[in-house]
Amino acid sequence: METPDANAELAPGSRDGWEHLAAHTEARIALGRAGGSLRTSSLLEFNVAHARARDAVHATFEVDKLVGVIAASGVATEVLSTAAPDRATYLVRPELGRRLSEASAARLRNLGSSMGPRDLAVIVSDGLSATAAGNHAAQTVIELSGLLSAQGWTLYPIFVIPFARVKLQDEVGSLLGASHSLILLGERPGLSAHDSLGAYLTFAPRADRTDADRNCVSNIRGGGLAPPQAAAKLSRMLIESRRLGLSGTGLRDE
């Protein structure tokens, strides 16, 4: 196949010479041009993508709906809160999303005492895309719970916690005495994907854990890693993490 010349002159308003490659990626390539500017259609597509990303950041996290879907599968849930009182505060004060509210911290201490140590604490939050959590979190969590339960893992109820940051998993896991913690939350939206869910796992969660101690499975969505495949990948990594007694840079998904 002849490779298009990226420097070749294109007639105003024509498609880009690399257009055939656009079928293989959601990245914004082969946009074409009209004179020295983007084509009108390309500009409008960009504006739509930007609006979707912005809307995902500010969307309302439908907690009751998510809890209902998870509970209908037979998996227990518990709704908690962070120190962030609302979404506007959460977006400008990230540190508030890294710790529980006093009431929720007390609730977890009680749960830890009554349930005892278990293998895994799972948290679901809206993060920076409530759209992602609403679209993909329930299926991922339900699939994962089934896979791990079949392997003999013990799980706490799924903790649904609006306005959380990744670091919150350390406080949750530590208060409960969990062997592992896992948080699923919406990733920062991009122009190609506004509903991408990320999952972060940590072995022996505690306050001094850093990002180097975590493993991330990202781009969980229909156009990326579908929830069933993400659940299978997370299950493998958690089982290997328990076998090795570590997570983070020392853990690889082979």
C-alpha atoms as a PDB file:
ATOM      1  CA  MET A   1       0.000   0.000   0.000  1.00  0.00           C
ATOM      2  CA  GLU A   2       1.338   3.428  -0.881  1.00  0.00           C
ATOM      3  CA  THR A   3       1.995   5.568   2.178  1.00  0.00           C
ATOM      4  CA  PRO A   4       0.365   9.018   1.988  1.00  0.00           C
ATOM      5  CA  ASP A   5       2.730  11.962   1.989  1.00  0.00           C
ATOM      6  CA  ALA A   6       2.064  13.904   5.167  1.00  0.00           C
ATOM      7  CA  ASN A   7       3.512  17.036   3.524  1.00  0.00           C
ATOM      8  CA  ALA A   8       1.467  16.785   0.352  1.00  0.00           C
ATOM      9  CA  GLU A   9      -0.800  19.700  -0.478  1.00  0.00           C
ATOM     10  CA  LEU A  10      -4.481  19.013   0.161  1.00  0.00           C
ATOM     11  CA  ALA A  11      -7.330  20.848  -1.452  1.00  0.00           C
ATOM     12  CA  PRO A  12      -9.163  23.152   0.981  1.00  0.00           C
ATOM     13  CA  GLY A  13     -11.897  21.236   2.784  1.00  0.00           C
ATOM     14  CA  SER A  14     -10.521  17.826   1.752  1.00  0.00           C
ATOM     15  CA  ARG A  15     -10.089  14.852   4.050  1.00  0.00           C
ATOM     16  CA  ASP A  16      -6.681  14.220   5.547  1.00  0.00           C
ATOM     17  CA  GLY A  17      -4.372  11.846   3.698  1.00  0.00           C
ATOM     18  CA  TRP A  18      -4.104   9.674   6.831  1.00  0.00           C
ATOM     19  CA  GLU A  19      -7.882   9.219   7.080  1.00  0.00           C
ATOM     20  CA  HIS A  20      -7.734   5.435   6.617  1.00  0.00           C
ATOM     21  CA  LEU A  21      -5.807   5.128   9.898  1.00  0.00           C
ATOM     22  CA  ALA A  22      -8.600   6.776  11.878  1.00  0.00           C
ATOM     23  CA  ALA A  23     -10.606   3.555  11.667  1.00  0.00           C
ATOM     24  CA  HIS A  24      -8.049   1.896  13.986  1.00  0.00           C
ATOM     25  CA  THR A  25      -8.001   4.399  16.857  1.00  0.00           C
ATOM     26  CA  GLU A  26     -10.181   6.786  18.818  1.00  0.00           C
ATOM     27  CA  ALA A  27      -7.315   9.289  18.931  1.00  0.00           C
ATOM     28  CA  ARG A  28      -7.939  12.577  17.174  1.00  0.00           C
ATOM     29  CA  ILE A  29      -5.987  12.078  13.948  1.00  0.00           C
ATOM     30  CA  ALA A  30      -6.652  12.745  10.241  1.00  0.00           C
ATOM     31  CA  LEU A  31      -8.789  15.817  10.969  1.00  0.00           C
ATOM     32  CA  GLY A  32      -8.288  17.428   7.591  1.00  0.00           C
ATOM     33  CA  ARG A  33      -8.116  21.178   7.017  1.00  0.00           C
ATOM     34  CA  ALA A  34      -9.681  24.056   5.197  1.00  0.00           C
ATOM     35  CA  GLY A  35      -6.892  26.407   4.270  1.00  0.00           C
ATOM     36  CA  GLY A  36      -4.861  26.907   7.430  1.00  0.00           C
ATOM     37  CA  SER A  37      -7.722  25.928   9.762  1.00  0.00           C
ATOM     38  CA  LEU A  38      -9.628  22.863  10.887  1.00  0.00           C
ATOM     39  CA  ARG A  39     -12.626  21.860   8.851  1.00  0.00           C
ATOM     40  CA  THR A  40     -15.923  22.950  10.388  1.00  0.00           C
ATOM     41  CA  SER A  41     -16.990  19.345  10.981  1.00  0.00           C
ATOM     42  CA  SER A  42     -13.726  18.579  12.822  1.00  0.00           C
ATOM     43  CA  LEU A  43     -14.134  21.651  15.004  1.00  0.00           C
ATOM     44  CA  LEU A  44     -17.717  20.703  15.848  1.00  0.00           C
ATOM     45  CA  GLU A  45     -16.636  17.148  16.711  1.00  0.00           C
ATOM     46  CA  PHE A  46     -13.971  18.579  19.023  1.00  0.00           C
ATOM     47  CA  ASN A  47     -16.515  20.822  20.755  1.00  0.00           C
ATOM     48  CA  VAL A  48     -18.853  17.873  21.313  1.00  0.00           C
ATOM     49  CA  ALA A  49     -16.043  15.759  22.783  1.00  0.00           C
ATOM     50  CA  HIS A  50     -14.985  18.611  25.052  1.00  0.00           C
ATOM     51  CA  ALA A  51     -18.566  19.107  26.245  1.00  0.00           C
ATOM     52  CA  ARG A  52     -18.919  15.390  27.055  1.00  0.00           C
ATOM     53  CA  ALA A  53     -15.700  15.446  29.065  1.00  0.00           C
ATOM     54  CA  ARG A  54     -16.798  18.535  30.981  1.00  0.00           C
ATOM     55  CA  ASP A  55     -20.249  17.082  31.660  1.00  0.00           C
ATOM     56  CA  ALA A  56     -18.694  13.838  32.954  1.00  0.00           C
ATOM     57  CA  VAL A  57     -16.651  15.781  35.525  1.00  0.00           C
ATOM     58  CA  HIS A  58     -19.705  17.632  36.828  1.00  0.00           C
ATOM     59  CA  ALA A  59     -22.288  14.848  36.471  1.00  0.00           C
ATOM     60  CA  THR A  60     -24.248  13.718  39.527  1.00  0.00           C
ATOM     61  CA  PHE A  61     -23.196  10.368  40.985  1.00  0.00           C
ATOM     62  CA  GLU A  62     -26.387   8.278  41.127  1.00  0.00           C
ATOM     63  CA  VAL A  63     -25.539   6.382  44.302  1.00  0.00           C
ATOM     64  CA  ASP A  64     -28.959   4.817  44.885  1.00  0.00           C
ATOM     65  CA  LYS A  65     -29.098   3.458  41.343  1.00  0.00           C
ATOM     66  CA  LEU A  66     -25.620   1.935  41.606  1.00  0.00           C
ATOM     67  CA  VAL A  67     -26.338   0.418  45.017  1.00  0.00           C
ATOM     68  CA  GLY A  68     -29.582  -1.049  43.675  1.00  0.00           C
ATOM     69  CA  VAL A  69     -27.862  -2.771  40.750  1.00  0.00           C
ATOM     70  CA  ILE A  70     -25.119  -4.247  42.957  1.00  0.00           C
ATOM     71  CA  ALA A  71     -27.565  -5.325  45.678  1.00  0.00           C
ATOM     72  CA  ALA A  72     -29.823  -6.998  43.113  1.00  0.00           C
ATOM     73  CA  SER A  73     -26.944  -9.363  42.311  1.00  0.00           C
ATOM     74  CA  GLY A  74     -26.796 -10.482  45.932  1.00  0.00           C
ATOM     75  CA  VAL A  75     -23.660  -8.490  46.817  1.00  0.00           C
ATOM     76  CA  ALA A  76     -23.929  -6.399  49.990  1.00  0.00           C
ATOM     77  CA  THR A  77     -23.198  -2.651  49.911  1.00  0.00           C
ATOM     78  CA  GLU A  78     -22.520   0.144  52.375  1.00  0.00           C
ATOM     79  CA  VAL A  79     -22.703   3.875  51.580  1.00  0.00           C
ATOM     80  CA  LEU A  80     -20.099   6.082  53.287  1.00  0.00           C
ATOM     81  CA  SER A  81     -18.776   9.621  52.846  1.00  0.00           C
ATOM     82  CA  THR A  82     -15.474  11.481  52.612  1.00  0.00           C
ATOM     83  CA  ALA A  83     -14.530  14.782  54.194  1.00  0.00           C
ATOM     84  CA  ALA A  84     -15.581  16.571  50.984  1.00  0.00           C
ATOM     85  CA  PRO A  85     -19.084  17.994  51.547  1.00  0.00           C
ATOM     86  CA  ASP A  86     -19.998  18.448  47.869  1.00  0.00           C
ATOM     87  CA  ARG A  87     -18.629  18.044  44.351  1.00  0.00           C
ATOM     88  CA  ALA A  88     -17.552  21.666  43.916  1.00  0.00           C
ATOM     89  CA  THR A  89     -15.399  21.440  47.058  1.00  0.00           C
ATOM     90  CA  TYR A  90     -14.083  18.021  46.069  1.00  0.00           C
ATOM     91  CA  LEU A  91     -12.781  19.332  42.741  1.00  0.00           C
ATOM     92  CA  VAL A  92     -10.766  22.167  44.313  1.00  0.00           C
ATOM     93  CA  ARG A  93      -9.780  20.421  47.586  1.00  0.00           C
ATOM     94  CA  PRO A  94      -8.442  16.999  46.559  1.00  0.00           C
ATOM     95  CA  GLU A  95      -7.083  16.290  50.046  1.00  0.00           C
ATOM     96  CA  LEU A  96     -10.640  16.083  51.406  1.00  0.00           C
ATOM     97  CA  GLY A  97     -11.339  13.150  49.121  1.00  0.00           C
ATOM     98  CA  ARG A  98      -8.393  11.252  50.603  1.00  0.00           C
ATOM     99  CA  ARG A  99      -9.964  10.824  54.022  1.00  0.00           C
ATOM    100  CA  LEU A 100     -13.284   9.660  55.428  1.00  0.00           C
ATOM    101  CA  SER A 101     -15.755  11.798  57.288  1.00  0.00           C
ATOM    102  CA  GLU A 102     -15.659  11.268  61.058  1.00  0.00           C
ATOM    103  CA  ALA A 103     -18.968   9.404  60.998  1.00  0.00           C
ATOM    104  CA  SER A 104     -17.818   7.034  58.249  1.00  0.00           C
ATOM    105  CA  ALA A 105     -14.490   6.371  59.952  1.00  0.00           C
ATOM    106  CA  ALA A 106     -16.365   5.428  63.133  1.00  0.00           C
ATOM    107  CA  ARG A 107     -18.684   3.184  61.101  1.00  0.00           C
ATOM    108  CA  LEU A 108     -15.731   1.328  59.584  1.00  0.00           C
ATOM    109  CA  ARG A 109     -14.129   0.788  62.995  1.00  0.00           C
ATOM    110  CA  ASN A 110     -17.363  -0.840  64.143  1.00  0.00           C
ATOM    111  CA  LEU A 111     -17.550  -2.959  61.003  1.00  0.00           C
ATOM    112  CA  GLY A 112     -13.952  -4.043  61.419  1.00  0.00           C
ATOM    113  CA  SER A 113     -14.665  -5.144  64.990  1.00  0.00           C
ATOM    114  CA  SER A 114     -17.838  -7.033  64.096  1.00  0.00           C
ATOM    115  CA  MET A 115     -16.682  -8.650  60.825  1.00  0.00           C
ATOM    116  CA  GLY A 116     -13.049  -9.243  61.668  1.00  0.00           C
ATOM    117  CA  PRO A 117     -10.206  -9.286  59.136  1.00  0.00           C
ATOM    118  CA  ARG A 118     -11.199 -10.150  55.568  1.00  0.00           C
ATOM    119  CA  ASP A 119      -9.292 -10.479  52.330  1.00  0.00           C
ATOM    120  CA  LEU A 120     -10.584  -7.512  50.363  1.00  0.00           C
ATOM    121  CA  ALA A 121     -12.254  -4.142  50.818  1.00  0.00           C
ATOM    122  CA  VAL A 122     -13.726  -2.757  47.578  1.00  0.00           C
ATOM    123  CA  ILE A 123     -14.596   0.918  47.171  1.00  0.00           C
ATOM    124  CA  VAL A 124     -16.562   2.472  44.312  1.00  0.00           C
ATOM    125  CA  SER A 125     -16.541   6.226  43.767  1.00  0.00           C
ATOM    126  CA  ASP A 126     -17.359   8.764  41.084  1.00  0.00           C
ATOM    127  CA  GLY A 127     -13.853  10.241  41.053  1.00  0.00           C
ATOM    128  CA  LEU A 128     -13.517  12.601  38.113  1.00  0.00           C
ATOM    129  CA  SER A 129     -16.197  10.929  35.994  1.00  0.00           C
ATOM    130  CA  ALA A 130     -19.489   9.946  37.574  1.00  0.00           C
ATOM    131  CA  THR A 131     -20.468   8.769  34.099  1.00  0.00           C
ATOM    132  CA  ALA A 132     -17.745   6.112  34.180  1.00  0.00           C
ATOM    133  CA  ALA A 133     -18.750   4.850  37.608  1.00  0.00           C
ATOM    134  CA  GLY A 134     -22.408   4.756  36.642  1.00  0.00           C
ATOM    135  CA  ASN A 135     -21.771   2.921  33.381  1.00  0.00           C
ATOM    136  CA  HIS A 136     -19.148   0.331  34.335  1.00  0.00           C
ATOM    137  CA  ALA A 137     -18.541  -0.020  38.089  1.00  0.00           C
ATOM    138  CA  ALA A 138     -21.470  -2.271  38.989  1.00  0.00           C
ATOM    139  CA  GLN A 139     -20.738  -4.909  36.350  1.00  0.00           C
ATOM    140  CA  THR A 140     -17.024  -4.911  37.158  1.00  0.00           C
ATOM    141  CA  VAL A 141     -17.632  -5.306  40.888  1.00  0.00           C
ATOM    142  CA  ILE A 142     -20.265  -8.018  40.474  1.00  0.00           C
ATOM    143  CA  GLU A 143     -18.044 -10.048  38.135  1.00  0.00           C
ATOM    144  CA  LEU A 144     -15.013  -9.626  40.403  1.00  0.00           C
ATOM    145  CA  SER A 145     -16.915 -10.622  43.545  1.00  0.00           C
ATOM    146  CA  GLY A 146     -17.996 -13.851  41.877  1.00  0.00           C
ATOM    147  CA  LEU A 147     -14.506 -14.707  40.652  1.00  0.00           C
ATOM    148  CA  LEU A 148     -12.843 -14.082  44.014  1.00  0.00           C
ATOM    149  CA  SER A 149     -15.556 -15.784  46.068  1.00  0.00           C
ATOM    150  CA  ALA A 150     -15.049 -18.893  43.923  1.00  0.00           C
ATOM    151  CA  GLN A 151     -11.377 -18.757  44.965  1.00  0.00           C
ATOM    152  CA  GLY A 152     -12.300 -18.642  48.648  1.00  0.00           C
ATOM    153  CA  TRP A 153     -11.721 -14.917  49.185  1.00  0.00           C
ATOM    154  CA  THR A 154     -13.697 -13.117  51.871  1.00  0.00           C
ATOM    155  CA  LEU A 155     -14.990  -9.627  51.029  1.00  0.00           C
ATOM    156  CA  TYR A 156     -16.484  -6.799  53.016  1.00  0.00           C
ATOM    157  CA  PRO A 157     -19.616  -5.132  51.660  1.00  0.00           C
ATOM    158  CA  ILE A 158     -18.906  -2.978  48.613  1.00  0.00           C
ATOM    159  CA  PHE A 159     -18.323   0.537  49.939  1.00  0.00           C
ATOM    160  CA  VAL A 160     -19.894   3.209  47.733  1.00  0.00           C
ATOM    161  CA  ILE A 161     -18.227   6.500  48.643  1.00  0.00           C
ATOM    162  CA  PRO A 162     -18.843   9.674  46.614  1.00  0.00           C
ATOM    163  CA  PHE A 163     -16.058  12.264  46.202  1.00  0.00           C
ATOM    164  CA  ALA A 164     -13.159   9.862  46.851  1.00  0.00           C
ATOM    165  CA  ARG A 165      -9.542   9.969  45.710  1.00  0.00           C
ATOM    166  CA  VAL A 166      -7.322   6.904  45.212  1.00  0.00           C
ATOM    167  CA  LYS A 167      -5.519   7.380  48.531  1.00  0.00           C
ATOM    168  CA  LEU A 168      -8.764   6.802  50.448  1.00  0.00           C
ATOM    169  CA  GLN A 169      -8.341   3.057  49.977  1.00  0.00           C
ATOM    170  CA  ASP A 170      -5.480   3.098  52.481  1.00  0.00           C
ATOM    171  CA  GLU A 171      -7.605   4.506  55.298  1.00  0.00           C
ATOM    172  CA  VAL A 172     -10.519   2.193  54.506  1.00  0.00           C
ATOM    173  CA  GLY A 173      -8.355  -0.918  54.357  1.00  0.00           C
ATOM    174  CA  SER A 174      -6.387   0.016  57.450  1.00  0.00           C
ATOM    175  CA  LEU A 175      -9.458   0.706  59.605  1.00  0.00           C
ATOM    176  CA  LEU A 176     -10.931  -2.659  58.625  1.00  0.00           C
ATOM    177  CA  GLY A 177      -7.718  -4.653  58.836  1.00  0.00           C
ATOM    178  CA  ALA A 178      -8.200  -5.868  55.251  1.00  0.00           C
ATOM    179  CA  SER A 179      -5.433  -7.792  53.504  1.00  0.00           C
ATOM    180  CA  HIS A 180      -6.095  -5.862  50.269  1.00  0.00           C
ATOM    181  CA  SER A 181      -8.021  -2.787  49.223  1.00  0.00           C
ATOM    182  CA  LEU A 182      -9.331  -1.943  45.769  1.00  0.00           C
ATOM    183  CA  ILE A 183     -10.876   1.320  44.609  1.00  0.00           C
ATOM    184  CA  LEU A 184     -12.736   1.811  41.337  1.00  0.00           C
ATOM    185  CA  LEU A 185     -13.410   5.385  40.276  1.00  0.00           C
ATOM    186  CA  GLY A 186     -13.906   7.522  37.203  1.00  0.00           C
ATOM    187  CA  GLU A 187     -10.723   8.638  35.484  1.00  0.00           C
ATOM    188  CA  ARG A 188     -10.117  12.190  34.319  1.00  0.00           C
ATOM    189  CA  PRO A 189     -12.107  12.422  31.050  1.00  0.00           C
ATOM    190  CA  GLY A 190     -10.309  12.907  27.770  1.00  0.00           C
ATOM    191  CA  LEU A 191     -11.521  13.972  24.353  1.00  0.00           C
ATOM    192  CA  SER A 192     -11.678  10.351  23.176  1.00  0.00           C
ATOM    193  CA  ALA A 193     -13.074   8.765  26.350  1.00  0.00           C
ATOM    194  CA  HIS A 194     -15.274  10.540  28.884  1.00  0.00           C
ATOM    195  CA  ASP A 195     -16.458   7.364  30.664  1.00  0.00           C
ATOM    196  CA  SER A 196     -13.243   5.509  31.491  1.00  0.00           C
ATOM    197  CA  LEU A 197     -13.111   3.703  34.847  1.00  0.00           C
ATOM    198  CA  GLY A 198      -9.853   3.083  36.705  1.00  0.00           C
ATOM    199  CA  ALA A 199      -9.147   0.432  39.363  1.00  0.00           C
ATOM    200  CA  TYR A 200      -6.287   0.589  41.904  1.00  0.00           C
ATOM    201  CA  LEU A 201      -5.296  -2.279  44.194  1.00  0.00           C
ATOM    202  CA  THR A 202      -3.018  -2.229  47.243  1.00  0.00           C
ATOM    203  CA  PHE A 203      -1.633  -5.020  49.417  1.00  0.00           C
ATOM    204  CA  ALA A 204      -1.690  -4.396  53.206  1.00  0.00           C
ATOM    205  CA  PRO A 205      -3.187  -0.879  52.904  1.00  0.00           C
ATOM    206  CA  ARG A 206      -1.990   1.664  55.459  1.00  0.00           C
ATOM    207  CA  ALA A 207      -1.301   5.385  55.739  1.00  0.00           C
ATOM    208  CA  ASP A 208       2.303   5.266  54.483  1.00  0.00           C
ATOM    209  CA  ARG A 209       1.449   3.561  51.191  1.00  0.00           C
ATOM    210  CA  THR A 210       2.324   5.550  48.049  1.00  0.00           C
ATOM    211  CA  ASP A 211       1.474   5.251  44.370  1.00  0.00           C
ATOM    212  CA  ALA A 212       4.505   2.972  43.970  1.00  0.00           C
ATOM    213  CA  ASP A 213       2.712   0.443  46.195  1.00  0.00           C
ATOM    214  CA  ARG A 214      -0.375   0.256  43.940  1.00  0.00           C
ATOM    215  CA  ASN A 215      -1.303  -1.385  40.683  1.00  0.00           C
ATOM    216  CA  CYS A 216      -3.704   0.228  38.242  1.00  0.00           C
ATOM    217  CA  VAL A 217      -6.029  -1.277  35.655  1.00  0.00           C
ATOM    218  CA  SER A 218      -7.320   1.599  33.542  1.00  0.00           C
ATOM    219  CA  ASN A 219      -9.563   2.356  30.579  1.00  0.00           C
ATOM    220  CA  ILE A 220     -12.376   0.089  31.769  1.00  0.00           C
ATOM    221  CA  ARG A 221     -15.212   0.808  29.334  1.00  0.00           C
ATOM    222  CA  GLY A 222     -16.882  -0.521  26.218  1.00  0.00           C
ATOM    223  CA  GLY A 223     -14.287   0.976  23.880  1.00  0.00           C
ATOM    224  CA  GLY A 224     -11.373  -0.161  26.019  1.00  0.00           C
ATOM    225  CA  LEU A 225     -11.140  -3.003  28.537  1.00  0.00           C
ATOM    226  CA  ALA A 226     -14.682  -4.326  28.973  1.00  0.00           C
ATOM    227  CA  PRO A 227     -15.864  -4.900  32.583  1.00  0.00           C
ATOM    228  CA  PRO A 228     -15.770  -8.745  32.402  1.00  0.00           C
ATOM    229  CA  GLN A 229     -12.180  -8.656  31.113  1.00  0.00           C
ATOM    230  CA  ALA A 230     -11.240  -6.039  33.706  1.00  0.00           C
ATOM    231  CA  ALA A 231     -12.692  -8.193  36.488  1.00  0.00           C
ATOM    232  CA  ALA A 232     -10.721 -11.214  35.258  1.00  0.00           C
ATOM    233  CA  LYS A 233      -7.515  -9.162  35.122  1.00  0.00           C
ATOM    234  CA  LEU A 234      -8.063  -7.731  38.608  1.00  0.00           C
ATOM    235  CA  SER A 235      -8.805 -11.192  39.975  1.00  0.00           C
ATOM    236  CA  ARG A 236      -5.536 -12.558  38.573  1.00  0.00           C
ATOM    237  CA  MET A 237      -3.549  -9.645  39.946  1.00  0.00           C
ATOM    238  CA  LEU A 238      -5.107  -9.843  43.409  1.00  0.00           C
ATOM    239  CA  ILE A 239      -4.473 -13.577  43.641  1.00  0.00           C
ATOM    240  CA  GLU A 240      -0.861 -13.091  42.558  1.00  0.00           C
ATOM    241  CA  SER A 241      -0.499 -10.177  44.974  1.00  0.00           C
ATOM    242  CA  ARG A 242      -1.581 -12.392  47.863  1.00  0.00           C
ATOM    243  CA  ARG A 243       0.803 -15.155  46.761  1.00  0.00           C
ATOM    244  CA  LEU A 244       3.765 -12.779  46.607  1.00  0.00           C
ATOM    245  CA  GLY A 245       2.752 -10.664  49.599  1.00  0.00           C
ATOM    246  CA  LEU A 246       3.173  -7.376  47.743  1.00  0.00           C
ATOM    247  CA  SER A 247       1.679  -4.950  45.233  1.00  0.00           C
ATOM    248  CA  GLY A 248       2.955  -2.041  43.185  1.00  0.00           C
ATOM    249  CA  THR A 249       6.181  -2.054  41.210  1.00  0.00           C
ATOM    250  CA  GLY A 250       6.997  -5.622  42.245  1.00  0.00           C
ATOM    251  CA  LEU A 251       3.762  -7.047  40.830  1.00  0.00           C
ATOM    252  CA  ARG A 252       3.257  -7.747  37.123  1.00  0.00           C
ATOM    253  CA  ASP A 253       0.277  -9.126  35.236  1.00  0.00           C
ATOM    254  CA  GLU A 254       1.812 -11.878  33.108  1.00  0.00           C
END
